[in-house]
Amino acid sequence: MNLFDVYPLYPVEPVRGCGSYVYDVEGQEYLDLYGGHAVISIGHAHPHYVEAISKQVAALGFYSNSVENSLQREFAERLGKACGYEDYRLFLCNSGAEANENAIKLASFQSGKEKVLAFSRAFHGRTSGAVAATDNPKIVSPFNRTKNVEFVALNDLEAVEAKLAEGGFCAVLIEGIQGVAGIQCPTDEFLRGLREVTTRYGVTLILDEIQSGYGRTGKFFAHQWAGIRPDMITVAKGIANGFPMGGVLIGPQFEAWYGMLGTTFGGNHLACAAGLAVLDVIENEKLIENANEVGEYLLAELRKMPRLKEVRGRGLMIGIEIEGSAAELRRRLLFEKHIFTGGAGATTVRLLPALGVGRKEADRFLAAFAELINE
């Protein structure tokens, strides 16, 4: 049996990692400024993380959600304190797409309505409901297409209000920062307006913080820069530093009943051990503060470079718009400079490094990047 060929692959195989670096089968070192799509939040092979997972799997790796699991309660309490949502409740699942699916489902249960309003160039996942709310027709199959999702332009509050006035909407779904779209930021003013208008129309506001959350922007969640509180928040990626885990933070106004939501693997013992270790490291090593400091340094230095079209982002979620092919520039960064970066569209280079990345790594990237774009 061969693999189903859906991923274009670089001819590089990382087999070992440490902090912000990975090493291939031949021992070549690479600076990792992408973290596998923002997944590596506390760095590769962090000793505390390795120890926590090792201890847990030696004790109990898995049992189902039909029995008590005190690790889930501990994780929910710790997460609530870390992010400032102690009065919310947590549903644990396995991925960002699942988190968004469950958030939409819960909003629809609550309101009895079926429509979701999303935004141009949004990406919310590849499962059935999440991909229907993703603005990319190429990955939406005929089965996934539905009249229950509509799109308006990001930062267009008048368009949002006009749609909500039509009725029938259970939720507005928005990313804290659009990642796959190339680091497109909703303005703070727009998010504040969005909170007001969804409240006025009785529509659930869901913040997809799967890529933009967990300290990446210099606050725990990107929407916290705008000072708002959504009704639900979805999380994944950096939540467990590579262990598959996702979750929905659910406001106190939602009622739960047995069987409403469910999952086999969500919130399993290993996932919770990994998630708790991530919270430990974020707190003990002040990684959110570091993300803000090093991210602002990178953004400031990049904005000094004259040949760039635009530099977007907050903290360690950065999009660099270039003249020419981002794919070719990323290929050269990887094979000539041994630096992993990400892409988003034809002309955007995306940076999503571990939250503990330092000035030394930032300067190495800046020097390599400047050399290549100035040729």
Protein backbone atom coordinates (compact mmCIF):
# COMPACT_ATOMS: atom_id res chain seq x y z
CA MET A 1 0.00 0.00 0.00
CA ASN A 2 1.20 3.50 -0.88
CA LEU A 3 0.26 6.79 0.77
CA PHE A 4 -2.63 8.76 -0.76
CA ASP A 5 -0.67 11.49 -2.49
CA VAL A 6 -2.21 14.77 -1.27
CA TYR A 7 0.84 16.57 0.15
CA PRO A 8 3.59 18.22 -1.94
CA LEU A 9 6.71 17.37 0.03
CA TYR A 10 10.13 18.93 0.42
CA PRO A 11 12.88 16.28 0.15
CA VAL A 12 13.81 16.83 3.82
CA GLU A 13 13.06 14.51 6.74
CA PRO A 14 13.47 15.96 10.23
CA VAL A 15 14.12 13.13 12.68
CA ARG A 16 15.11 15.04 15.80
CA GLY A 17 14.38 18.43 17.31
CA CYS A 18 15.55 20.67 20.13
CA GLY A 19 14.01 24.06 20.92
CA SER A 20 13.78 26.07 17.69
CA TYR A 21 15.90 23.64 15.68
CA VAL A 22 15.32 20.37 13.85
CA TYR A 23 17.85 17.92 12.37
CA ASP A 24 17.50 15.69 9.33
CA VAL A 25 18.64 12.10 8.84
CA GLU A 26 22.11 13.31 7.86
CA GLY A 27 22.45 15.54 10.92
CA GLN A 28 21.94 18.84 9.09
CA GLU A 29 20.59 21.53 11.44
CA TYR A 30 17.63 23.69 10.39
CA LEU A 31 16.20 26.74 12.14
CA ASP A 32 12.46 26.10 12.46
CA LEU A 33 10.45 29.31 12.15
CA TYR A 34 7.22 27.58 11.20
CA GLY A 35 6.66 24.94 13.88
CA GLY A 36 4.58 22.69 11.64
CA HIS A 37 1.78 25.27 11.11
CA ALA A 38 2.11 26.97 14.55
CA VAL A 39 1.85 23.67 16.42
CA ILE A 40 5.22 23.75 18.20
CA SER A 41 4.50 26.30 20.91
CA ILE A 42 7.12 25.50 23.57
CA GLY A 43 9.87 24.15 21.31
CA HIS A 44 10.83 20.71 20.08
CA ALA A 45 11.48 18.01 22.68
CA HIS A 46 11.17 20.31 25.68
CA PRO A 47 12.42 18.23 28.68
CA HIS A 48 9.41 19.00 30.90
CA TYR A 49 7.02 18.06 28.09
CA VAL A 50 8.89 14.82 27.35
CA GLU A 51 8.90 13.88 31.03
CA ALA A 52 5.18 14.59 31.48
CA ILE A 53 4.11 12.46 28.51
CA SER A 54 6.53 9.67 29.41
CA LYS A 55 5.23 9.50 32.99
CA GLN A 56 1.61 9.49 31.87
CA VAL A 57 1.95 6.81 29.21
CA ALA A 58 3.78 4.61 31.71
CA ALA A 59 0.81 4.97 34.09
CA LEU A 60 -2.26 5.05 31.80
CA GLY A 61 -2.31 6.09 28.15
CA PHE A 62 -6.04 6.02 27.48
CA TYR A 63 -9.50 5.32 28.75
CA SER A 64 -12.79 6.55 27.35
CA ASN A 65 -14.96 9.49 28.37
CA SER A 66 -17.34 7.11 30.15
CA VAL A 67 -15.24 7.35 33.34
CA GLU A 68 -13.83 10.19 35.39
CA ASN A 69 -10.53 11.73 34.31
CA SER A 70 -9.21 14.24 36.85
CA LEU A 71 -6.58 15.41 34.33
CA GLN A 72 -9.39 16.94 32.27
CA ARG A 73 -10.69 18.92 35.24
CA GLU A 74 -7.17 20.05 36.14
CA PHE A 75 -6.48 21.12 32.57
CA ALA A 76 -9.75 23.07 32.30
CA GLU A 77 -9.02 24.89 35.57
CA ARG A 78 -5.44 25.72 34.56
CA LEU A 79 -6.45 26.88 31.07
CA GLY A 80 -9.23 29.08 32.44
CA LYS A 81 -6.81 30.83 34.78
CA ALA A 82 -4.12 31.19 32.12
CA CYS A 83 -6.39 32.82 29.53
CA GLY A 84 -8.79 34.74 31.79
CA TYR A 85 -11.92 32.72 31.04
CA GLU A 86 -12.43 30.96 34.38
CA ASP A 87 -16.24 31.21 34.13
CA TYR A 88 -16.31 29.38 30.77
CA ARG A 89 -16.47 25.60 30.37
CA LEU A 90 -14.31 23.38 28.19
CA PHE A 91 -15.13 20.68 25.66
CA LEU A 92 -12.06 18.73 24.57
CA CYS A 93 -11.60 17.15 21.14
CA ASN A 94 -8.72 16.23 18.83
CA SER A 95 -8.20 19.00 16.26
CA GLY A 96 -9.04 22.52 15.23
CA ALA A 97 -11.55 21.43 12.62
CA GLU A 98 -13.38 19.36 15.24
CA ALA A 99 -13.36 22.30 17.64
CA ASN A 100 -15.00 24.52 15.02
CA GLU A 101 -17.52 21.82 14.08
CA ASN A 102 -18.58 21.44 17.71
CA ALA A 103 -18.76 25.20 18.30
CA ILE A 104 -21.04 25.66 15.27
CA LYS A 105 -23.16 22.69 16.32
CA LEU A 106 -23.56 24.09 19.84
CA ALA A 107 -24.52 27.54 18.53
CA SER A 108 -27.15 25.94 16.29
CA PHE A 109 -28.51 23.83 19.16
CA GLN A 110 -28.74 26.93 21.36
CA SER A 111 -30.55 29.16 18.86
CA GLY A 112 -32.46 26.66 16.74
CA LYS A 113 -31.09 28.45 13.66
CA GLU A 114 -28.95 27.01 10.90
CA LYS A 115 -26.88 29.71 9.16
CA VAL A 116 -23.27 30.74 9.82
CA LEU A 117 -21.64 33.97 8.70
CA ALA A 118 -17.91 33.69 7.90
CA PHE A 119 -15.38 35.92 6.17
CA SER A 120 -13.65 36.13 2.81
CA ARG A 121 -10.45 34.04 2.67
CA ALA A 122 -11.31 32.31 5.96
CA PHE A 123 -9.86 28.91 6.79
CA HIS A 124 -11.56 26.89 9.54
CA GLY A 125 -10.61 23.28 8.71
CA ARG A 126 -11.28 20.45 6.28
CA THR A 127 -14.06 18.42 7.91
CA SER A 128 -17.57 18.82 6.57
CA GLY A 129 -18.93 21.82 8.49
CA ALA A 130 -15.58 23.52 8.99
CA VAL A 131 -14.69 23.35 5.30
CA ALA A 132 -18.11 24.73 4.37
CA ALA A 133 -17.12 27.83 6.37
CA THR A 134 -13.72 27.93 4.62
CA ASP A 135 -13.57 30.32 1.69
CA ASN A 136 -11.67 28.11 -0.75
CA PRO A 137 -13.90 26.42 -3.36
CA LYS A 138 -11.04 24.13 -4.42
CA ILE A 139 -11.24 22.11 -1.19
CA VAL A 140 -15.05 22.18 -0.78
CA SER A 141 -16.60 19.08 -2.33
CA PRO A 142 -20.18 19.01 -3.70
CA PHE A 143 -21.19 17.17 -0.50
CA ASN A 144 -19.80 19.99 1.66
CA ARG A 145 -21.48 22.85 -0.21
CA THR A 146 -24.37 24.35 1.71
CA LYS A 147 -26.57 27.44 1.63
CA ASN A 148 -26.18 27.60 5.41
CA VAL A 149 -22.83 29.46 5.19
CA GLU A 150 -22.42 32.96 3.78
CA PHE A 151 -19.31 35.13 3.50
CA VAL A 152 -18.64 38.86 3.80
CA ALA A 153 -15.41 40.83 3.55
CA LEU A 154 -13.17 41.03 6.61
CA ASN A 155 -13.43 44.35 8.49
CA ASP A 156 -16.72 45.29 6.78
CA LEU A 157 -19.06 45.80 9.72
CA GLU A 158 -21.86 47.22 7.57
CA ALA A 159 -21.93 44.02 5.52
CA VAL A 160 -22.07 41.93 8.71
CA GLU A 161 -25.01 43.91 10.07
CA ALA A 162 -26.87 43.74 6.77
CA LYS A 163 -26.56 39.94 6.75
CA LEU A 164 -27.54 39.48 10.39
CA ALA A 165 -30.59 41.69 9.83
CA GLU A 166 -31.87 39.07 7.36
CA GLY A 167 -32.23 36.59 10.24
CA GLY A 168 -31.57 32.86 10.41
CA PHE A 169 -27.97 33.09 11.65
CA CYS A 170 -26.86 31.04 14.66
CA ALA A 171 -23.23 32.18 14.61
CA VAL A 172 -20.55 34.47 13.24
CA LEU A 173 -17.23 32.61 12.92
CA ILE A 174 -13.99 34.59 12.66
CA GLU A 175 -10.27 33.92 13.08
CA GLY A 176 -8.37 36.03 15.62
CA ILE A 177 -5.94 36.59 12.72
CA GLN A 178 -6.47 34.90 9.38
CA GLY A 179 -3.48 32.58 8.99
CA VAL A 180 -3.90 30.67 5.72
CA ALA A 181 -5.06 33.91 4.07
CA GLY A 182 -1.59 35.36 4.69
CA ILE A 183 -1.84 36.90 8.19
CA GLN A 184 -4.81 39.19 7.55
CA CYS A 185 -5.75 41.01 10.76
CA PRO A 186 -9.24 42.07 11.78
CA THR A 187 -8.93 45.54 13.26
CA ASP A 188 -9.57 46.03 16.96
CA GLU A 189 -12.39 48.41 16.06
CA PHE A 190 -13.99 45.81 13.80
CA LEU A 191 -13.85 43.12 16.51
CA ARG A 192 -15.43 45.49 19.02
CA GLY A 193 -18.16 46.33 16.51
CA LEU A 194 -18.65 42.65 15.74
CA ARG A 195 -19.15 41.91 19.42
CA GLU A 196 -21.76 44.66 19.69
CA VAL A 197 -23.72 43.71 16.60
CA THR A 198 -23.79 39.95 17.33
CA THR A 199 -25.01 40.69 20.86
CA ARG A 200 -27.72 42.99 19.51
CA TYR A 201 -28.99 40.36 17.06
CA GLY A 202 -28.67 37.45 19.51
CA VAL A 203 -26.08 35.66 17.35
CA THR A 204 -23.24 33.59 18.85
CA LEU A 205 -19.76 35.03 18.25
CA ILE A 206 -17.18 32.26 17.78
CA LEU A 207 -13.49 33.23 17.77
CA ASP A 208 -11.32 30.71 15.96
CA GLU A 209 -8.02 31.07 17.85
CA ILE A 210 -6.61 27.79 16.56
CA GLN A 211 -3.57 29.38 14.92
CA SER A 212 -3.63 32.84 16.53
CA GLY A 213 -4.16 31.75 20.14
CA TYR A 214 -2.08 30.24 22.93
CA GLY A 215 0.20 33.26 23.35
CA ARG A 216 1.28 33.59 19.73
CA THR A 217 0.38 37.28 19.36
CA GLY A 218 1.71 38.44 22.73
CA LYS A 219 -1.60 37.92 24.54
CA PHE A 220 -3.15 34.54 25.26
CA PHE A 221 -5.72 35.10 22.51
CA ALA A 222 -5.44 37.54 19.60
CA HIS A 223 -8.95 38.92 20.22
CA GLN A 224 -7.86 40.09 23.68
CA TRP A 225 -6.00 42.98 22.01
CA ALA A 226 -9.47 44.35 21.19
CA GLY A 227 -10.75 43.89 24.73
CA ILE A 228 -13.75 41.73 23.75
CA ARG A 229 -15.16 38.45 25.11
CA PRO A 230 -16.68 36.14 22.48
CA ASP A 231 -19.31 33.52 23.30
CA MET A 232 -17.05 30.63 22.30
CA ILE A 233 -13.35 30.26 21.52
CA THR A 234 -11.83 27.36 19.60
CA VAL A 235 -8.26 26.21 20.24
CA ALA A 236 -5.85 23.57 18.93
CA LYS A 237 -2.36 23.63 17.29
CA GLY A 238 -0.15 25.07 20.09
CA ILE A 239 -2.34 23.63 22.85
CA ALA A 240 -0.27 20.44 23.23
CA ASN A 241 2.95 21.11 21.26
CA GLY A 242 2.32 18.42 18.66
CA PHE A 243 0.06 15.98 20.48
CA PRO A 244 -3.34 15.98 18.69
CA MET A 245 -5.67 18.06 20.86
CA GLY A 246 -8.35 20.69 20.42
CA GLY A 247 -10.99 22.37 22.52
CA VAL A 248 -13.94 24.74 22.71
CA LEU A 249 -14.16 27.33 25.49
CA ILE A 250 -17.89 27.75 26.03
CA GLY A 251 -19.61 30.73 27.65
CA PRO A 252 -21.79 30.28 30.74
CA GLN A 253 -25.03 30.97 28.83
CA PHE A 254 -24.90 27.59 27.03
CA GLU A 255 -26.64 24.59 28.58
CA ALA A 256 -25.20 21.08 28.27
CA TRP A 257 -27.07 17.79 28.10
CA TYR A 258 -25.78 14.22 27.95
CA GLY A 259 -24.94 13.18 24.41
CA MET A 260 -25.04 16.72 23.01
CA LEU A 261 -21.35 16.55 22.02
CA GLY A 262 -18.97 13.62 22.14
CA THR A 263 -15.64 12.17 21.08
CA THR A 264 -13.69 8.95 21.59
CA PHE A 265 -10.18 10.33 21.90
CA GLY A 266 -10.81 13.93 22.97
CA GLY A 267 -9.33 14.86 26.34
CA ASN A 268 -7.53 11.54 26.72
CA HIS A 269 -4.94 11.10 29.44
CA LEU A 270 -1.91 11.66 27.21
CA ALA A 271 -3.41 14.76 25.59
CA CYS A 272 -4.17 16.30 28.98
CA ALA A 273 -0.67 15.52 30.26
CA ALA A 274 0.77 17.20 27.16
CA GLY A 275 -1.56 20.20 27.52
CA LEU A 276 -0.71 20.67 31.20
CA ALA A 277 3.02 20.54 30.41
CA VAL A 278 2.56 23.24 27.76
CA LEU A 279 0.78 25.51 30.24
CA ASP A 280 3.59 24.90 32.77
CA VAL A 281 6.27 25.95 30.30
CA ILE A 282 4.35 28.95 28.95
CA GLU A 283 3.96 30.26 32.50
CA ASN A 284 7.36 29.34 33.95
CA GLU A 285 9.39 30.56 30.98
CA LYS A 286 7.22 33.65 30.32
CA LEU A 287 6.73 32.65 26.70
CA ILE A 288 3.84 35.03 26.00
CA GLU A 289 6.00 37.97 27.04
CA ASN A 290 8.80 36.61 24.86
CA ALA A 291 6.45 36.21 21.88
CA ASN A 292 5.48 39.85 22.21
CA GLU A 293 9.07 41.09 22.59
CA VAL A 294 10.75 39.02 19.85
CA GLY A 295 7.73 39.35 17.57
CA GLU A 296 7.78 43.14 17.79
CA TYR A 297 11.52 43.08 17.09
CA LEU A 298 11.03 40.94 13.98
CA LEU A 299 8.14 43.08 12.73
CA ALA A 300 10.09 46.31 13.26
CA GLU A 301 13.20 45.02 11.49
CA LEU A 302 11.25 43.57 8.58
CA ARG A 303 9.37 46.84 8.10
CA LYS A 304 12.71 48.60 7.61
CA MET A 305 13.44 46.48 4.53
CA PRO A 306 12.67 48.55 1.43
CA ARG A 307 11.86 45.82 -1.07
CA LEU A 308 8.93 44.28 0.79
CA LYS A 309 5.34 45.04 -0.25
CA GLU A 310 3.86 44.67 3.25
CA VAL A 311 4.58 43.15 6.66
CA ARG A 312 1.52 42.06 8.67
CA GLY A 313 0.88 40.44 12.01
CA ARG A 314 1.22 40.57 15.78
CA GLY A 315 3.76 38.92 18.02
CA LEU A 316 5.10 35.72 16.47
CA MET A 317 2.38 35.48 13.81
CA ILE A 318 3.93 37.29 10.86
CA GLY A 319 3.14 37.52 7.15
CA ILE A 320 5.69 39.01 4.75
CA GLU A 321 4.34 40.08 1.35
CA ILE A 322 7.09 40.02 -1.27
CA GLU A 323 7.54 40.80 -4.93
CA GLY A 324 7.74 37.55 -6.86
CA SER A 325 7.33 33.95 -5.80
CA ALA A 326 7.12 33.18 -2.07
CA ALA A 327 7.46 29.48 -2.87
CA GLU A 328 10.83 30.04 -4.54
CA LEU A 329 12.08 32.26 -1.73
CA ARG A 330 11.00 29.70 0.86
CA ARG A 331 12.74 26.95 -1.10
CA ARG A 332 15.97 28.96 -1.10
CA LEU A 333 15.66 29.74 2.61
CA LEU A 334 15.28 26.03 3.29
CA PHE A 335 17.99 24.60 1.06
CA GLU A 336 20.54 27.44 1.01
CA LYS A 337 20.06 28.92 4.50
CA HIS A 338 18.55 25.89 6.28
CA ILE A 339 15.56 27.82 7.63
CA PHE A 340 11.99 26.51 7.66
CA THR A 341 9.26 29.07 6.91
CA GLY A 342 5.64 28.81 5.81
CA GLY A 343 3.65 30.06 2.87
CA ALA A 344 0.20 31.56 2.31
CA GLY A 345 -0.74 32.20 -1.29
CA ALA A 346 1.66 33.06 -4.08
CA THR A 347 3.50 36.00 -2.51
CA THR A 348 3.38 35.64 1.29
CA VAL A 349 6.04 34.11 3.55
CA ARG A 350 4.60 33.11 6.94
CA LEU A 351 6.50 32.95 10.25
CA LEU A 352 5.05 30.93 13.15
CA PRO A 353 8.03 29.97 15.33
CA ALA A 354 8.02 28.47 18.80
CA LEU A 355 7.12 31.05 21.43
CA GLY A 356 10.55 30.80 23.03
CA VAL A 357 12.49 31.74 19.89
CA GLY A 358 15.24 34.23 20.72
CA ARG A 359 16.94 37.28 19.26
CA LYS A 360 19.80 35.11 17.98
CA GLU A 361 17.40 33.08 15.83
CA ALA A 362 15.56 36.23 14.74
CA ASP A 363 18.82 37.86 13.62
CA ARG A 364 19.90 34.75 11.73
CA PHE A 365 16.63 34.81 9.79
CA LEU A 366 16.73 38.55 9.15
CA ALA A 367 20.25 38.35 7.73
CA ALA A 368 19.42 35.38 5.48
CA PHE A 369 16.15 36.90 4.34
CA ALA A 370 17.69 40.29 3.54
CA GLU A 371 20.50 38.65 1.58
CA LEU A 372 18.10 36.69 -0.63
CA ILE A 373 15.58 39.46 -1.34
CA ASN A 374 18.33 41.98 -2.10
CA GLU A 375 20.01 39.85 -4.74
